[in-house]
Amino acid sequence: MMWLWWLWEGLLTGVRQVAGLWWLILLFIGIQILKDAGWLGRASRYMAPVLRPLRLPGEAGVPMAAGLGIGLTYGAGVLIQTAREGRLTRDELTVMCVFLGICHAIFEETVLFAAAGANGLLLLAIRLAAAALFGWLAARAWLRPAEQASPVPDEARTR
């Protein structure tokens, strides 16, 4: 009968872990409200110059901010939603994931490693530089410059 106790404890632990993610629901609701109000469109215009070296459109700003701020584990939900809406091509998502693979959760991890004794500013500089370099290289490998790019049909964006 001990196994029943273990199953019960496992079930309760799982429910507690899922309930601890309540803030993600609020994040997605907030993003939808901002999108409906037109704020994300305005933010995309401001993000465009920052993302230009990576050859990414302004629409990549929200998933990029989510990946940088809350990491890939939780930011993946924003990335998946962006991909499903077809706002970015597969190649644009690939370039963004190369950048975020190196530079995800930049603030949280820098603070954690600094607390463990690492030089936080040096770590931050190295991660940002490496992400910028490899993101730039990935953009040159996968994406054409904006002036050469042809419009992508809607059905091709979701592939």
Protein backbone atom coordinates (compact mmCIF):
# COMPACT_ATOMS: atom_id res chain seq x y z
CA MET A 1 0.00 0.00 0.00
CA MET A 2 3.03 2.23 0.19
CA TRP A 3 2.86 2.71 -3.59
CA LEU A 4 -0.57 4.37 -3.22
CA TRP A 5 1.01 6.92 -0.92
CA TRP A 6 3.79 7.55 -3.47
CA LEU A 7 1.24 8.01 -6.27
CA TRP A 8 -0.75 10.43 -4.12
CA GLU A 9 2.37 12.41 -3.22
CA GLY A 10 3.44 12.49 -6.89
CA LEU A 11 0.01 13.72 -7.95
CA LEU A 12 -0.02 16.47 -5.33
CA THR A 13 3.51 17.55 -6.23
CA GLY A 14 2.60 17.70 -9.91
CA VAL A 15 -0.54 19.76 -9.24
CA ARG A 16 1.47 22.18 -7.06
CA GLN A 17 4.13 22.57 -9.77
CA VAL A 18 1.55 23.31 -12.48
CA ALA A 19 -0.32 25.71 -10.19
CA GLY A 20 2.98 27.54 -9.67
CA LEU A 21 2.88 28.55 -13.34
CA TRP A 22 -0.24 30.71 -12.93
CA TRP A 23 1.74 33.81 -13.88
CA LEU A 24 2.27 32.44 -17.41
CA ILE A 25 -1.47 32.62 -18.01
CA LEU A 26 -1.39 36.27 -16.92
CA LEU A 27 1.59 36.86 -19.23
CA PHE A 28 -0.28 35.51 -22.27
CA ILE A 29 -3.43 37.45 -21.39
CA GLY A 30 -1.33 40.60 -21.01
CA ILE A 31 0.36 40.05 -24.38
CA GLN A 32 -3.03 39.58 -26.04
CA ILE A 33 -4.40 42.75 -24.46
CA LEU A 34 -1.32 44.71 -25.60
CA LYS A 35 -1.70 43.27 -29.10
CA ASP A 36 -5.39 44.16 -29.30
CA ALA A 37 -4.70 47.68 -28.04
CA GLY A 38 -2.05 48.22 -30.72
CA TRP A 39 0.84 48.61 -28.28
CA LEU A 40 2.78 45.68 -29.70
CA GLY A 41 2.69 47.27 -33.14
CA ARG A 42 4.23 50.42 -31.73
CA ALA A 43 6.81 48.45 -29.78
CA SER A 44 7.71 46.55 -32.95
CA ARG A 45 8.57 49.82 -34.69
CA TYR A 46 10.94 50.73 -31.85
CA MET A 47 12.51 47.27 -31.81
CA ALA A 48 13.19 47.21 -35.57
CA PRO A 49 16.47 49.20 -35.43
CA VAL A 50 17.77 47.01 -32.60
CA LEU A 51 16.95 43.81 -34.50
CA ARG A 52 18.20 45.07 -37.88
CA PRO A 53 21.75 43.64 -37.49
CA LEU A 54 20.14 40.22 -37.04
CA ARG A 55 17.95 40.87 -40.11
CA LEU A 56 14.86 40.29 -37.98
CA PRO A 57 11.65 42.31 -38.32
CA GLY A 58 10.20 44.33 -35.47
CA GLU A 59 7.67 41.54 -34.85
CA ALA A 60 10.53 39.51 -33.37
CA GLY A 61 10.80 42.03 -30.52
CA VAL A 62 8.22 40.47 -28.19
CA PRO A 63 9.51 36.89 -28.39
CA MET A 64 13.08 38.21 -28.17
CA ALA A 65 12.23 40.19 -25.02
CA ALA A 66 10.47 37.15 -23.54
CA GLY A 67 13.48 34.93 -24.20
CA LEU A 68 15.92 37.48 -22.81
CA GLY A 69 13.78 38.28 -19.78
CA ILE A 70 12.22 35.02 -18.67
CA GLY A 71 14.33 32.45 -20.49
CA LEU A 72 13.67 29.76 -23.03
CA THR A 73 11.61 27.49 -20.83
CA TYR A 74 8.81 29.98 -20.29
CA GLY A 75 9.61 32.23 -23.24
CA ALA A 76 9.12 29.24 -25.53
CA GLY A 77 5.37 29.72 -25.15
CA VAL A 78 5.69 33.20 -26.64
CA LEU A 79 7.97 31.85 -29.39
CA ILE A 80 5.51 29.09 -30.25
CA GLN A 81 2.59 31.52 -30.31
CA THR A 82 4.54 33.82 -32.62
CA ALA A 83 5.36 30.91 -34.93
CA ARG A 84 1.76 29.71 -35.03
CA GLU A 85 0.50 33.18 -35.88
CA GLY A 86 2.90 33.19 -38.84
CA ARG A 87 4.42 36.57 -38.02
CA LEU A 88 7.95 35.22 -38.54
CA THR A 89 9.36 32.78 -41.06
CA ARG A 90 11.04 29.56 -40.03
CA ASP A 91 14.44 31.04 -40.88
CA GLU A 92 13.75 34.15 -38.80
CA LEU A 93 12.76 31.93 -35.88
CA THR A 94 15.97 29.95 -36.36
CA VAL A 95 18.12 33.09 -36.19
CA MET A 96 16.25 34.26 -33.11
CA CYS A 97 16.74 30.87 -31.43
CA VAL A 98 20.48 30.95 -32.19
CA PHE A 99 20.69 34.32 -30.45
CA LEU A 100 18.50 33.26 -27.52
CA GLY A 101 20.25 29.92 -27.13
CA ILE A 102 23.33 31.82 -26.02
CA CYS A 103 21.69 34.80 -24.35
CA HIS A 104 18.45 33.59 -22.74
CA ALA A 105 17.38 34.71 -19.25
CA ILE A 106 20.30 37.11 -19.33
CA PHE A 107 19.42 39.07 -16.19
CA GLU A 108 18.36 36.16 -14.00
CA GLU A 109 21.35 33.96 -14.83
CA THR A 110 23.84 36.81 -14.52
CA VAL A 111 22.58 37.55 -11.01
CA LEU A 112 22.72 33.85 -10.06
CA PHE A 113 26.27 33.39 -11.32
CA ALA A 114 27.39 36.67 -9.75
CA ALA A 115 25.99 35.46 -6.43
CA ALA A 116 28.08 32.30 -6.87
CA GLY A 117 31.22 34.42 -7.28
CA ALA A 118 31.46 35.06 -11.03
CA ASN A 119 32.18 38.51 -12.41
CA GLY A 120 28.65 39.53 -13.47
CA LEU A 121 29.65 42.33 -15.84
CA LEU A 122 32.22 40.15 -17.61
CA LEU A 123 29.72 37.31 -17.92
CA LEU A 124 27.06 39.68 -19.26
CA ALA A 125 29.48 41.18 -21.78
CA ILE A 126 30.70 37.79 -23.01
CA ARG A 127 27.18 36.38 -23.41
CA LEU A 128 25.89 39.46 -25.21
CA ALA A 129 28.93 39.56 -27.51
CA ALA A 130 28.74 35.84 -28.31
CA ALA A 131 24.99 36.02 -28.95
CA ALA A 132 25.41 39.07 -31.17
CA LEU A 133 28.24 37.45 -33.13
CA PHE A 134 26.57 34.09 -33.67
CA GLY A 135 23.16 35.68 -34.28
CA TRP A 136 24.75 37.95 -36.88
CA LEU A 137 26.47 34.95 -38.53
CA ALA A 138 23.24 32.94 -38.48
CA ALA A 139 21.35 35.84 -40.05
CA ARG A 140 23.91 35.99 -42.87
CA ALA A 141 23.62 32.23 -43.38
CA TRP A 142 19.81 31.96 -43.33
CA LEU A 143 18.33 35.35 -44.16
CA ARG A 144 18.66 37.63 -47.14
CA PRO A 145 19.00 41.37 -46.55
CA ALA A 146 15.68 43.21 -46.33
CA GLU A 147 16.22 45.01 -49.64
CA GLN A 148 16.72 41.66 -51.45
CA ALA A 149 14.01 39.70 -49.65
CA SER A 150 10.85 38.94 -51.52
CA PRO A 151 7.50 38.89 -49.74
CA VAL A 152 6.73 35.49 -48.28
CA PRO A 153 3.27 34.08 -49.08
CA ASP A 154 1.15 33.39 -45.99
CA GLU A 155 1.04 29.64 -46.63
CA ALA A 156 4.85 29.48 -46.82
CA ARG A 157 5.34 31.36 -43.52
CA THR A 158 3.81 28.57 -41.44
CA ARG A 159 5.91 25.75 -42.83
